[in-house]
Amino acid sequence: MLDDRTTAATTWPTAYPEGYAVVDVETTGLARDDRIVSAAVYRLDARGEVEDHWYTLVDPERDPGPVWIHGLTSEVLRGAPLFGEIAGEFASRLEGRVLVAHNAAFDWNMIAREYARARGEAPTRQRLCTIALAKELRLPLPNLKLESLAAHFGVVQQRAHHALDDARVLAEAFRPSLHAAARGGVRLPLLECRPLTEWTDSAAPARVGYQASHGHRGWRPSRRRPPCPYPNPGRYTPGGPLVQGMRVAFSGDTSTERELLEDRAVEAGLHVATSVSRLTSLLVTNDPDAATSKAVKAAAFGTPVLDEAAFTQALRDVAPAPGGRRAPAAPPPQAPASE
């Protein structure tokens, strides 16, 4: 087997990115209105070598949330900078690089919301989820937790759920993953980071194009998603696994933010559909009897239905596309493609 040095010297894919920002954020919770309490970034070069790292506490301007997880009490955070005060430094760490995170949809959404609150925009246009990359590489992991990925590559965790150590662990595990992908000619599962460029408060009148959620603040993504790279394998079989390429539609309220659910589906290799047709593989809804157009069409077409909890569980183990097939890919763009 080629070692990393040989891979870098002789077989490195020219279409791979020129640099990465491995990111971890700790937060007050998982909801739309939760805030970042700490952030860390490891900057890596094109071949995964560490260039530098950075860490900061952040005053969330509210209760710090699950202290038993991240260990950051109100006393520890007292005097920490507000996000707006570190936004420029954070941006300099992300600029021109692919954001890498474990469950990148979550980290990106938290970061994008913080920049929206600060009336700014994070200067990164693509992200890579190491969970999605592990699936592409078919790594023999017992589960998709960070500690399992770390153990697979012999990386020792020192302080789990501390942003700086989690980012270090992920950076050390990402480098061999990146080289394995390069050796195998694997196309990296890159997704666009869609800036959240609109802001509204619940007290303000809703405007056309805004996304509202349960009366809270809302943001509007600026671009559409990229096409799914896998062919549609057909309908979901109740009790069976989700399969890459399946067309999934969402309807009704969800406890997890809709955009985050959709991002997780996309990163798992699913196609997020905006409507229900005979080609739809699955409808995700917590109220299948509601008289929404999607639910009515799903009933008419006999489309399988899962509730949010079952869908979230199924997302943990999505089966690869039959034969590992992808739809024909366009030539690599000079700049990140818009969604």
C-alpha atoms as a PDB file:
ATOM      1  CA  MET A   1       0.000   0.000   0.000  1.00  0.00           C
ATOM      2  CA  LEU A   2       1.211   3.498  -0.794  1.00  0.00           C
ATOM      3  CA  ASP A   3       2.094   5.618   2.231  1.00  0.00           C
ATOM      4  CA  ASP A   4       0.879   9.177   2.659  1.00  0.00           C
ATOM      5  CA  ARG A   5       4.061  10.698   1.283  1.00  0.00           C
ATOM      6  CA  THR A   6       3.900   8.597  -1.890  1.00  0.00           C
ATOM      7  CA  THR A   7       0.223   9.395  -2.293  1.00  0.00           C
ATOM      8  CA  ALA A   8       0.852  13.103  -1.977  1.00  0.00           C
ATOM      9  CA  ALA A   9       3.740  13.021  -4.409  1.00  0.00           C
ATOM     10  CA  THR A  10       2.396  10.862  -7.210  1.00  0.00           C
ATOM     11  CA  THR A  11      -1.347  10.252  -7.183  1.00  0.00           C
ATOM     12  CA  TRP A  12      -3.003  13.281  -5.642  1.00  0.00           C
ATOM     13  CA  PRO A  13      -6.287  14.161  -7.412  1.00  0.00           C
ATOM     14  CA  THR A  14      -6.035  17.556  -9.047  1.00  0.00           C
ATOM     15  CA  ALA A  15      -9.717  18.261  -8.341  1.00  0.00           C
ATOM     16  CA  TYR A  16      -9.277  18.083  -4.557  1.00  0.00           C
ATOM     17  CA  PRO A  17      -9.498  21.345  -2.555  1.00  0.00           C
ATOM     18  CA  GLU A  18      -6.425  23.440  -1.774  1.00  0.00           C
ATOM     19  CA  GLY A  19      -7.054  23.742   1.957  1.00  0.00           C
ATOM     20  CA  TYR A  20      -9.338  22.764   4.814  1.00  0.00           C
ATOM     21  CA  ALA A  21     -10.616  24.257   8.067  1.00  0.00           C
ATOM     22  CA  VAL A  22     -11.443  21.503  10.546  1.00  0.00           C
ATOM     23  CA  VAL A  23     -14.052  22.962  12.882  1.00  0.00           C
ATOM     24  CA  ASP A  24     -15.786  22.040  16.108  1.00  0.00           C
ATOM     25  CA  VAL A  25     -18.278  24.182  18.010  1.00  0.00           C
ATOM     26  CA  GLU A  26     -19.862  23.551  21.396  1.00  0.00           C
ATOM     27  CA  THR A  27     -23.337  25.009  21.821  1.00  0.00           C
ATOM     28  CA  THR A  28     -26.114  25.757  24.285  1.00  0.00           C
ATOM     29  CA  GLY A  29     -28.268  23.140  22.560  1.00  0.00           C
ATOM     30  CA  LEU A  30     -29.449  21.833  19.217  1.00  0.00           C
ATOM     31  CA  ALA A  31     -32.304  24.184  18.331  1.00  0.00           C
ATOM     32  CA  ARG A  32     -32.518  27.090  15.888  1.00  0.00           C
ATOM     33  CA  ASP A  33     -32.154  29.682  18.647  1.00  0.00           C
ATOM     34  CA  ASP A  34     -29.234  28.014  20.442  1.00  0.00           C
ATOM     35  CA  ARG A  35     -25.846  29.689  20.513  1.00  0.00           C
ATOM     36  CA  ILE A  36     -22.157  28.826  20.242  1.00  0.00           C
ATOM     37  CA  VAL A  37     -20.213  28.768  23.534  1.00  0.00           C
ATOM     38  CA  SER A  38     -16.809  27.761  22.156  1.00  0.00           C
ATOM     39  CA  ALA A  39     -15.200  27.225  18.766  1.00  0.00           C
ATOM     40  CA  ALA A  40     -11.983  25.748  17.456  1.00  0.00           C
ATOM     41  CA  VAL A  41     -10.412  25.621  13.997  1.00  0.00           C
ATOM     42  CA  TYR A  42      -7.469  23.574  12.744  1.00  0.00           C
ATOM     43  CA  ARG A  43      -6.251  24.857   9.379  1.00  0.00           C
ATOM     44  CA  LEU A  44      -4.885  22.128   7.106  1.00  0.00           C
ATOM     45  CA  ASP A  45      -3.132  22.321   3.762  1.00  0.00           C
ATOM     46  CA  ALA A  46      -4.280  20.520   0.613  1.00  0.00           C
ATOM     47  CA  ARG A  47      -2.935  17.179   1.847  1.00  0.00           C
ATOM     48  CA  GLY A  48      -4.207  17.392   5.395  1.00  0.00           C
ATOM     49  CA  GLU A  49      -1.072  18.661   7.148  1.00  0.00           C
ATOM     50  CA  VAL A  50      -1.757  20.959  10.106  1.00  0.00           C
ATOM     51  CA  GLU A  51      -0.794  24.592   9.526  1.00  0.00           C
ATOM     52  CA  ASP A  52      -2.098  26.115  12.766  1.00  0.00           C
ATOM     53  CA  HIS A  53      -4.984  26.047  15.221  1.00  0.00           C
ATOM     54  CA  TRP A  54      -7.194  28.501  17.095  1.00  0.00           C
ATOM     55  CA  TYR A  55      -9.673  28.327  19.963  1.00  0.00           C
ATOM     56  CA  THR A  56     -12.011  30.745  21.692  1.00  0.00           C
ATOM     57  CA  LEU A  57     -14.759  30.854  24.259  1.00  0.00           C
ATOM     58  CA  VAL A  58     -17.911  32.732  23.222  1.00  0.00           C
ATOM     59  CA  ASP A  59     -20.424  34.494  25.443  1.00  0.00           C
ATOM     60  CA  PRO A  60     -23.797  33.058  24.291  1.00  0.00           C
ATOM     61  CA  GLU A  61     -25.763  35.853  25.977  1.00  0.00           C
ATOM     62  CA  ARG A  62     -27.955  33.221  27.609  1.00  0.00           C
ATOM     63  CA  ASP A  63     -27.789  30.114  29.794  1.00  0.00           C
ATOM     64  CA  PRO A  64     -24.884  27.906  28.638  1.00  0.00           C
ATOM     65  CA  GLY A  65     -27.104  24.840  28.321  1.00  0.00           C
ATOM     66  CA  PRO A  66     -25.715  21.303  28.861  1.00  0.00           C
ATOM     67  CA  VAL A  67     -22.775  22.120  31.149  1.00  0.00           C
ATOM     68  CA  TRP A  68     -22.475  18.401  31.938  1.00  0.00           C
ATOM     69  CA  ILE A  69     -21.451  17.871  28.303  1.00  0.00           C
ATOM     70  CA  HIS A  70     -19.196  20.807  27.417  1.00  0.00           C
ATOM     71  CA  GLY A  71     -18.185  21.867  30.944  1.00  0.00           C
ATOM     72  CA  LEU A  72     -18.604  25.596  30.248  1.00  0.00           C
ATOM     73  CA  THR A  73     -20.491  27.241  33.106  1.00  0.00           C
ATOM     74  CA  SER A  74     -21.748  30.808  33.214  1.00  0.00           C
ATOM     75  CA  GLU A  75     -18.804  31.624  35.463  1.00  0.00           C
ATOM     76  CA  VAL A  76     -16.303  30.227  32.949  1.00  0.00           C
ATOM     77  CA  LEU A  77     -17.952  32.171  30.121  1.00  0.00           C
ATOM     78  CA  ARG A  78     -18.178  35.443  32.047  1.00  0.00           C
ATOM     79  CA  GLY A  79     -16.036  37.995  30.233  1.00  0.00           C
ATOM     80  CA  ALA A  80     -15.727  35.876  27.070  1.00  0.00           C
ATOM     81  CA  PRO A  81     -16.115  37.767  23.775  1.00  0.00           C
ATOM     82  CA  LEU A  82     -19.446  37.927  21.985  1.00  0.00           C
ATOM     83  CA  PHE A  83     -19.625  36.147  18.653  1.00  0.00           C
ATOM     84  CA  GLY A  84     -19.607  39.470  16.812  1.00  0.00           C
ATOM     85  CA  GLU A  85     -16.271  40.264  18.461  1.00  0.00           C
ATOM     86  CA  ILE A  86     -14.597  37.089  17.197  1.00  0.00           C
ATOM     87  CA  ALA A  87     -16.443  36.862  13.864  1.00  0.00           C
ATOM     88  CA  GLY A  88     -13.574  38.494  11.946  1.00  0.00           C
ATOM     89  CA  GLU A  89     -10.898  36.184  13.348  1.00  0.00           C
ATOM     90  CA  PHE A  90     -13.140  33.161  12.844  1.00  0.00           C
ATOM     91  CA  ALA A  91     -13.732  34.251   9.241  1.00  0.00           C
ATOM     92  CA  SER A  92     -10.001  34.552   8.581  1.00  0.00           C
ATOM     93  CA  ARG A  93      -9.627  30.915   9.629  1.00  0.00           C
ATOM     94  CA  LEU A  94     -12.366  29.758   7.254  1.00  0.00           C
ATOM     95  CA  GLU A  95     -11.681  31.938   4.229  1.00  0.00           C
ATOM     96  CA  GLY A  96     -10.929  30.067   1.026  1.00  0.00           C
ATOM     97  CA  ARG A  97     -11.081  26.665   2.714  1.00  0.00           C
ATOM     98  CA  VAL A  98     -13.447  23.726   2.838  1.00  0.00           C
ATOM     99  CA  LEU A  99     -15.098  23.500   6.249  1.00  0.00           C
ATOM    100  CA  VAL A 100     -14.625  19.998   7.684  1.00  0.00           C
ATOM    101  CA  ALA A 101     -16.667  18.772  10.654  1.00  0.00           C
ATOM    102  CA  HIS A 102     -18.137  15.611  12.118  1.00  0.00           C
ATOM    103  CA  ASN A 103     -21.844  16.023  11.295  1.00  0.00           C
ATOM    104  CA  ALA A 104     -20.987  19.119   9.297  1.00  0.00           C
ATOM    105  CA  ALA A 105     -24.619  20.097   8.725  1.00  0.00           C
ATOM    106  CA  PHE A 106     -24.969  20.908  12.416  1.00  0.00           C
ATOM    107  CA  ASP A 107     -21.724  22.866  12.779  1.00  0.00           C
ATOM    108  CA  TRP A 108     -22.339  24.811   9.578  1.00  0.00           C
ATOM    109  CA  ASN A 109     -25.900  25.746  10.540  1.00  0.00           C
ATOM    110  CA  MET A 110     -24.785  26.971  13.973  1.00  0.00           C
ATOM    111  CA  ILE A 111     -21.971  29.029  12.427  1.00  0.00           C
ATOM    112  CA  ALA A 112     -24.171  30.428   9.649  1.00  0.00           C
ATOM    113  CA  ARG A 113     -26.813  31.526  12.167  1.00  0.00           C
ATOM    114  CA  GLU A 114     -24.241  33.285  14.321  1.00  0.00           C
ATOM    115  CA  TYR A 115     -23.009  35.210  11.289  1.00  0.00           C
ATOM    116  CA  ALA A 116     -26.606  36.037  10.345  1.00  0.00           C
ATOM    117  CA  ARG A 117     -27.177  37.450  13.823  1.00  0.00           C
ATOM    118  CA  ALA A 118     -24.009  39.521  13.438  1.00  0.00           C
ATOM    119  CA  ARG A 119     -25.257  40.710  10.017  1.00  0.00           C
ATOM    120  CA  GLY A 120     -22.303  38.997   8.376  1.00  0.00           C
ATOM    121  CA  GLU A 121     -21.452  35.954   6.296  1.00  0.00           C
ATOM    122  CA  ALA A 122     -18.923  33.163   6.817  1.00  0.00           C
ATOM    123  CA  PRO A 123     -16.390  33.183   3.945  1.00  0.00           C
ATOM    124  CA  THR A 124     -16.468  29.470   3.175  1.00  0.00           C
ATOM    125  CA  ARG A 125     -18.391  27.994   0.268  1.00  0.00           C
ATOM    126  CA  GLN A 126     -18.044  24.242   0.694  1.00  0.00           C
ATOM    127  CA  ARG A 127     -18.185  21.784   3.554  1.00  0.00           C
ATOM    128  CA  LEU A 128     -17.202  18.150   4.004  1.00  0.00           C
ATOM    129  CA  CYS A 129     -18.778  15.887   6.595  1.00  0.00           C
ATOM    130  CA  THR A 130     -16.395  13.245   7.936  1.00  0.00           C
ATOM    131  CA  ILE A 131     -19.377  10.953   8.566  1.00  0.00           C
ATOM    132  CA  ALA A 132     -20.205  11.103   4.853  1.00  0.00           C
ATOM    133  CA  LEU A 133     -16.535  10.554   3.966  1.00  0.00           C
ATOM    134  CA  ALA A 134     -16.332   7.510   6.264  1.00  0.00           C
ATOM    135  CA  LYS A 135     -19.333   6.060   4.434  1.00  0.00           C
ATOM    136  CA  GLU A 136     -17.747   6.777   1.040  1.00  0.00           C
ATOM    137  CA  LEU A 137     -14.601   4.974   2.197  1.00  0.00           C
ATOM    138  CA  ARG A 138     -16.688   2.146   3.711  1.00  0.00           C
ATOM    139  CA  LEU A 139     -14.613   2.240   6.892  1.00  0.00           C
ATOM    140  CA  PRO A 140     -15.363  -0.726   9.195  1.00  0.00           C
ATOM    141  CA  LEU A 141     -16.639   1.375  12.103  1.00  0.00           C
ATOM    142  CA  PRO A 142     -18.990   0.021  14.812  1.00  0.00           C
ATOM    143  CA  ASN A 143     -20.872   3.335  14.620  1.00  0.00           C
ATOM    144  CA  LEU A 144     -20.368   6.816  13.216  1.00  0.00           C
ATOM    145  CA  LYS A 145     -19.337   8.574  16.425  1.00  0.00           C
ATOM    146  CA  LEU A 146     -16.179  10.673  16.486  1.00  0.00           C
ATOM    147  CA  GLU A 147     -14.582   8.385  19.057  1.00  0.00           C
ATOM    148  CA  SER A 148     -15.042   5.398  16.730  1.00  0.00           C
ATOM    149  CA  LEU A 149     -13.447   7.253  13.812  1.00  0.00           C
ATOM    150  CA  ALA A 150     -10.602   8.325  16.096  1.00  0.00           C
ATOM    151  CA  ALA A 151     -10.037   4.777  17.384  1.00  0.00           C
ATOM    152  CA  HIS A 152      -9.976   3.421  13.826  1.00  0.00           C
ATOM    153  CA  PHE A 153      -7.015   5.667  13.013  1.00  0.00           C
ATOM    154  CA  GLY A 154      -5.337   5.331  16.414  1.00  0.00           C
ATOM    155  CA  VAL A 155      -6.045   8.907  17.490  1.00  0.00           C
ATOM    156  CA  VAL A 156      -6.294   9.383  21.255  1.00  0.00           C
ATOM    157  CA  GLN A 157      -9.000  11.653  22.625  1.00  0.00           C
ATOM    158  CA  GLN A 158      -8.018  13.685  25.668  1.00  0.00           C
ATOM    159  CA  ARG A 159     -11.053  15.900  26.392  1.00  0.00           C
ATOM    160  CA  ALA A 160     -14.213  14.793  24.609  1.00  0.00           C
ATOM    161  CA  HIS A 161     -16.662  17.653  23.925  1.00  0.00           C
ATOM    162  CA  HIS A 162     -13.937  20.252  24.342  1.00  0.00           C
ATOM    163  CA  ALA A 163     -13.940  22.127  21.040  1.00  0.00           C
ATOM    164  CA  LEU A 164     -10.149  22.359  20.714  1.00  0.00           C
ATOM    165  CA  ASP A 165      -9.510  18.688  21.455  1.00  0.00           C
ATOM    166  CA  ASP A 166     -12.411  17.509  19.292  1.00  0.00           C
ATOM    167  CA  ALA A 167     -11.062  19.605  16.404  1.00  0.00           C
ATOM    168  CA  ARG A 168      -7.570  18.159  16.948  1.00  0.00           C
ATOM    169  CA  VAL A 169      -8.885  14.612  17.003  1.00  0.00           C
ATOM    170  CA  LEU A 170     -10.900  15.197  13.858  1.00  0.00           C
ATOM    171  CA  ALA A 171      -7.946  16.816  12.070  1.00  0.00           C
ATOM    172  CA  GLU A 172      -5.751  13.821  12.900  1.00  0.00           C
ATOM    173  CA  ALA A 173      -8.422  11.386  11.720  1.00  0.00           C
ATOM    174  CA  PHE A 174      -9.250  13.411   8.618  1.00  0.00           C
ATOM    175  CA  ARG A 175      -5.709  13.319   7.239  1.00  0.00           C
ATOM    176  CA  PRO A 176      -5.562   9.500   6.755  1.00  0.00           C
ATOM    177  CA  SER A 177      -9.155   9.556   5.512  1.00  0.00           C
ATOM    178  CA  LEU A 178      -8.189  12.155   2.909  1.00  0.00           C
ATOM    179  CA  HIS A 179      -5.200  10.107   1.786  1.00  0.00           C
ATOM    180  CA  ALA A 180      -7.289   6.936   1.592  1.00  0.00           C
ATOM    181  CA  ALA A 181      -9.751   8.798  -0.605  1.00  0.00           C
ATOM    182  CA  ALA A 182      -6.914  10.060  -2.814  1.00  0.00           C
ATOM    183  CA  ARG A 183      -5.459   6.570  -3.211  1.00  0.00           C
ATOM    184  CA  GLY A 184      -8.868   5.163  -4.114  1.00  0.00           C
ATOM    185  CA  GLY A 185      -9.803   7.967  -6.480  1.00  0.00           C
ATOM    186  CA  VAL A 186     -12.861   8.739  -4.322  1.00  0.00           C
ATOM    187  CA  ARG A 187     -14.763  11.904  -5.117  1.00  0.00           C
ATOM    188  CA  LEU A 188     -14.995  13.870  -1.885  1.00  0.00           C
ATOM    189  CA  PRO A 189     -18.594  14.369  -0.636  1.00  0.00           C
ATOM    190  CA  LEU A 190     -18.477  18.165  -0.830  1.00  0.00           C
ATOM    191  CA  LEU A 191     -21.618  20.225  -0.276  1.00  0.00           C
ATOM    192  CA  GLU A 192     -22.129  23.933  -0.654  1.00  0.00           C
ATOM    193  CA  CYS A 193     -22.270  26.120   2.439  1.00  0.00           C
ATOM    194  CA  ARG A 194     -25.321  28.247   1.758  1.00  0.00           C
ATOM    195  CA  PRO A 195     -25.048  31.566   3.595  1.00  0.00           C
ATOM    196  CA  LEU A 196     -28.101  32.599   5.575  1.00  0.00           C
ATOM    197  CA  THR A 197     -28.476  36.077   4.212  1.00  0.00           C
ATOM    198  CA  GLU A 198     -31.863  37.132   5.578  1.00  0.00           C
ATOM    199  CA  TRP A 199     -32.939  37.808   9.161  1.00  0.00           C
ATOM    200  CA  THR A 200     -36.312  38.457  10.737  1.00  0.00           C
ATOM    201  CA  ASP A 201     -37.732  38.517  14.249  1.00  0.00           C
ATOM    202  CA  SER A 202     -40.926  36.714  15.209  1.00  0.00           C
ATOM    203  CA  ALA A 203     -42.552  40.062  15.993  1.00  0.00           C
ATOM    204  CA  ALA A 204     -41.933  41.349  12.464  1.00  0.00           C
ATOM    205  CA  PRO A 205     -44.394  40.606   9.629  1.00  0.00           C
ATOM    206  CA  ALA A 206     -43.417  37.620   7.516  1.00  0.00           C
ATOM    207  CA  ARG A 207     -41.963  38.513   4.146  1.00  0.00           C
ATOM    208  CA  VAL A 208     -41.998  36.562   0.922  1.00  0.00           C
ATOM    209  CA  GLY A 209     -39.167  34.038   0.802  1.00  0.00           C
ATOM    210  CA  TYR A 210     -38.529  33.918   4.547  1.00  0.00           C
ATOM    211  CA  GLN A 211     -38.591  30.642   6.417  1.00  0.00           C
ATOM    212  CA  ALA A 212     -40.449  30.817   9.729  1.00  0.00           C
ATOM    213  CA  SER A 213     -40.253  28.126  12.384  1.00  0.00           C
ATOM    214  CA  HIS A 214     -42.597  27.974  15.353  1.00  0.00           C
ATOM    215  CA  GLY A 215     -42.636  31.771  15.661  1.00  0.00           C
ATOM    216  CA  HIS A 216     -38.897  32.063  16.261  1.00  0.00           C
ATOM    217  CA  ARG A 217     -36.308  33.998  14.334  1.00  0.00           C
ATOM    218  CA  GLY A 218     -35.750  32.721  10.832  1.00  0.00           C
ATOM    219  CA  TRP A 219     -33.224  32.831   8.025  1.00  0.00           C
ATOM    220  CA  ARG A 220     -33.418  32.243   4.286  1.00  0.00           C
ATOM    221  CA  PRO A 221     -30.753  30.195   2.480  1.00  0.00           C
ATOM    222  CA  SER A 222     -29.440  32.026  -0.544  1.00  0.00           C
ATOM    223  CA  ARG A 223     -29.182  29.175  -3.070  1.00  0.00           C
ATOM    224  CA  ARG A 224     -30.588  25.792  -4.024  1.00  0.00           C
ATOM    225  CA  ARG A 225     -29.079  22.415  -3.250  1.00  0.00           C
ATOM    226  CA  PRO A 226     -26.883  20.554  -5.745  1.00  0.00           C
ATOM    227  CA  PRO A 227     -28.360  17.564  -7.590  1.00  0.00           C
ATOM    228  CA  CYS A 228     -28.068  14.189  -5.865  1.00  0.00           C
ATOM    229  CA  PRO A 229     -25.124  12.264  -7.375  1.00  0.00           C
ATOM    230  CA  TYR A 230     -26.841   8.863  -7.067  1.00  0.00           C
ATOM    231  CA  PRO A 231     -29.587   7.339  -9.225  1.00  0.00           C
ATOM    232  CA  ASN A 232     -32.963   6.758  -7.566  1.00  0.00           C
ATOM    233  CA  PRO A 233     -33.106   3.105  -6.391  1.00  0.00           C
ATOM    234  CA  GLY A 234     -36.888   3.247  -5.995  1.00  0.00           C
ATOM    235  CA  ARG A 235     -39.252   3.260  -3.065  1.00  0.00           C
ATOM    236  CA  TYR A 236     -38.301   2.784   0.542  1.00  0.00           C
ATOM    237  CA  THR A 237     -39.154  -0.662   1.913  1.00  0.00           C
ATOM    238  CA  PRO A 238     -40.723  -0.380   5.389  1.00  0.00           C
ATOM    239  CA  GLY A 239     -38.402  -1.968   7.913  1.00  0.00           C
ATOM    240  CA  GLY A 240     -35.469  -1.848   5.526  1.00  0.00           C
ATOM    241  CA  PRO A 241     -32.616   0.645   5.233  1.00  0.00           C
ATOM    242  CA  LEU A 242     -32.592   3.931   3.415  1.00  0.00           C
ATOM    243  CA  VAL A 243     -30.482   3.731   0.250  1.00  0.00           C
ATOM    244  CA  GLN A 244     -28.391   6.489  -1.292  1.00  0.00           C
ATOM    245  CA  GLY A 245     -30.277   8.159  -4.117  1.00  0.00           C
ATOM    246  CA  MET A 246     -33.749   7.762  -2.589  1.00  0.00           C
ATOM    247  CA  ARG A 247     -36.062  10.752  -3.117  1.00  0.00           C
ATOM    248  CA  VAL A 248     -37.278  11.975   0.287  1.00  0.00           C
ATOM    249  CA  ALA A 249     -39.942  14.640   0.847  1.00  0.00           C
ATOM    250  CA  PHE A 250     -40.781  16.352   4.154  1.00  0.00           C
ATOM    251  CA  SER A 251     -44.176  17.630   5.299  1.00  0.00           C
ATOM    252  CA  GLY A 252     -45.463  19.392   8.413  1.00  0.00           C
ATOM    253  CA  ASP A 253     -43.772  20.474  11.619  1.00  0.00           C
ATOM    254  CA  THR A 254     -40.658  18.712  12.885  1.00  0.00           C
ATOM    255  CA  SER A 255     -38.975  18.919  16.282  1.00  0.00           C
ATOM    256  CA  THR A 256     -35.597  19.248  14.577  1.00  0.00           C
ATOM    257  CA  GLU A 257     -35.238  22.238  12.282  1.00  0.00           C
ATOM    258  CA  ARG A 258     -36.330  21.264   8.761  1.00  0.00           C
ATOM    259  CA  GLU A 259     -33.212  22.614   7.085  1.00  0.00           C
ATOM    260  CA  LEU A 260     -30.984  20.601   9.411  1.00  0.00           C
ATOM    261  CA  LEU A 261     -32.964  17.428   8.671  1.00  0.00           C
ATOM    262  CA  GLU A 262     -32.670  18.098   4.957  1.00  0.00           C
ATOM    263  CA  ASP A 263     -28.931  18.748   5.213  1.00  0.00           C
ATOM    264  CA  ARG A 264     -28.449  15.476   7.078  1.00  0.00           C
ATOM    265  CA  ALA A 265     -30.385  13.673   4.360  1.00  0.00           C
ATOM    266  CA  VAL A 266     -28.289  15.260   1.613  1.00  0.00           C
ATOM    267  CA  GLU A 267     -25.035  14.405   3.375  1.00  0.00           C
ATOM    268  CA  ALA A 268     -26.212  10.794   3.674  1.00  0.00           C
ATOM    269  CA  GLY A 269     -26.635  10.682  -0.128  1.00  0.00           C
ATOM    270  CA  LEU A 270     -30.399  11.144  -0.339  1.00  0.00           C
ATOM    271  CA  HIS A 271     -32.301  13.393  -2.737  1.00  0.00           C
ATOM    272  CA  VAL A 272     -34.464  15.975  -0.968  1.00  0.00           C
ATOM    273  CA  ALA A 273     -37.594  16.476  -3.045  1.00  0.00           C
ATOM    274  CA  THR A 274     -39.765  19.581  -2.799  1.00  0.00           C
ATOM    275  CA  SER A 275     -42.928  17.734  -3.810  1.00  0.00           C
ATOM    276  CA  VAL A 276     -44.379  14.224  -3.888  1.00  0.00           C
ATOM    277  CA  SER A 277     -44.701  12.283  -7.134  1.00  0.00           C
ATOM    278  CA  ARG A 278     -44.787   8.650  -8.224  1.00  0.00           C
ATOM    279  CA  LEU A 279     -40.964   8.706  -8.094  1.00  0.00           C
ATOM    280  CA  THR A 280     -40.839   9.751  -4.439  1.00  0.00           C
ATOM    281  CA  SER A 281     -39.247   7.041  -2.309  1.00  0.00           C
ATOM    282  CA  LEU A 282     -40.452   8.230   1.073  1.00  0.00           C
ATOM    283  CA  LEU A 283     -42.447  10.960   2.834  1.00  0.00           C
ATOM    284  CA  VAL A 284     -41.269  12.056   6.279  1.00  0.00           C
ATOM    285  CA  THR A 285     -44.066  13.532   8.382  1.00  0.00           C
ATOM    286  CA  ASN A 286     -45.215  13.462  12.000  1.00  0.00           C
ATOM    287  CA  ASP A 287     -48.835  13.815  10.919  1.00  0.00           C
ATOM    288  CA  PRO A 288     -49.604  11.512   7.963  1.00  0.00           C
ATOM    289  CA  ASP A 289     -53.342  12.221   8.276  1.00  0.00           C
ATOM    290  CA  ALA A 290     -52.922  15.958   7.808  1.00  0.00           C
ATOM    291  CA  ALA A 291     -54.551  17.397   4.708  1.00  0.00           C
ATOM    292  CA  THR A 292     -51.304  18.773   3.271  1.00  0.00           C
ATOM    293  CA  SER A 293     -50.750  18.407  -0.463  1.00  0.00           C
ATOM    294  CA  LYS A 294     -47.755  16.136   0.122  1.00  0.00           C
ATOM    295  CA  ALA A 295     -49.608  13.839   2.514  1.00  0.00           C
ATOM    296  CA  VAL A 296     -52.609  13.642   0.183  1.00  0.00           C
ATOM    297  CA  LYS A 297     -50.409  12.784  -2.802  1.00  0.00           C
ATOM    298  CA  ALA A 298     -48.429  10.235  -0.776  1.00  0.00           C
ATOM    299  CA  ALA A 299     -51.660   8.478   0.160  1.00  0.00           C
ATOM    300  CA  ALA A 300     -52.810   8.512  -3.477  1.00  0.00           C
ATOM    301  CA  PHE A 301     -49.512   7.137  -4.802  1.00  0.00           C
ATOM    302  CA  GLY A 302     -48.996   4.658  -1.971  1.00  0.00           C
ATOM    303  CA  THR A 303     -45.743   6.368  -1.010  1.00  0.00           C
ATOM    304  CA  PRO A 304     -44.198   4.904   2.176  1.00  0.00           C
ATOM    305  CA  VAL A 305     -44.280   7.204   5.213  1.00  0.00           C
ATOM    306  CA  LEU A 306     -41.937   7.511   8.205  1.00  0.00           C
ATOM    307  CA  ASP A 307     -42.186   9.822  11.165  1.00  0.00           C
ATOM    308  CA  GLU A 308     -39.293  12.066  12.123  1.00  0.00           C
ATOM    309  CA  ALA A 309     -37.931   9.808  14.881  1.00  0.00           C
ATOM    310  CA  ALA A 310     -37.863   6.722  12.653  1.00  0.00           C
ATOM    311  CA  PHE A 311     -36.296   8.691   9.799  1.00  0.00           C
ATOM    312  CA  THR A 312     -33.597  10.111  12.088  1.00  0.00           C
ATOM    313  CA  GLN A 313     -32.823   6.598  13.294  1.00  0.00           C
ATOM    314  CA  ALA A 314     -32.676   5.288   9.709  1.00  0.00           C
ATOM    315  CA  LEU A 315     -30.250   8.085   8.742  1.00  0.00           C
ATOM    316  CA  ARG A 316     -27.646   6.529  11.014  1.00  0.00           C
ATOM    317  CA  ASP A 317     -27.125   3.605   8.634  1.00  0.00           C
ATOM    318  CA  VAL A 318     -27.914   4.533   5.035  1.00  0.00           C
ATOM    319  CA  ALA A 319     -27.028   1.779   2.568  1.00  0.00           C
ATOM    320  CA  PRO A 320     -24.671   2.700  -0.294  1.00  0.00           C
ATOM    321  CA  ALA A 321     -26.042   3.117  -3.798  1.00  0.00           C
ATOM    322  CA  PRO A 322     -26.273  -0.221  -5.643  1.00  0.00           C
ATOM    323  CA  GLY A 323     -22.852  -0.994  -7.053  1.00  0.00           C
ATOM    324  CA  GLY A 324     -21.559   2.288  -5.646  1.00  0.00           C
ATOM    325  CA  ARG A 325     -22.894   3.990  -8.777  1.00  0.00           C
ATOM    326  CA  ARG A 326     -23.032   7.743  -9.071  1.00  0.00           C
ATOM    327  CA  ALA A 327     -24.781   9.793 -11.661  1.00  0.00           C
ATOM    328  CA  PRO A 328     -22.416  11.245 -14.277  1.00  0.00           C
ATOM    329  CA  ALA A 329     -20.504  14.128 -12.740  1.00  0.00           C
ATOM    330  CA  ALA A 330     -19.837  17.449 -14.397  1.00  0.00           C
ATOM    331  CA  PRO A 331     -16.187  18.547 -14.764  1.00  0.00           C
ATOM    332  CA  PRO A 332     -14.820  20.090 -11.530  1.00  0.00           C
ATOM    333  CA  PRO A 333     -15.810  23.779 -11.387  1.00  0.00           C
ATOM    334  CA  GLN A 334     -13.274  26.536 -10.971  1.00  0.00           C
ATOM    335  CA  ALA A 335     -15.314  27.823  -8.018  1.00  0.00           C
ATOM    336  CA  PRO A 336     -17.762  26.026  -5.707  1.00  0.00           C
ATOM    337  CA  ALA A 337     -20.986  25.245  -7.477  1.00  0.00           C
ATOM    338  CA  SER A 338     -24.144  26.792  -6.095  1.00  0.00           C
ATOM    339  CA  GLU A 339     -26.886  24.646  -4.688  1.00  0.00           C
END
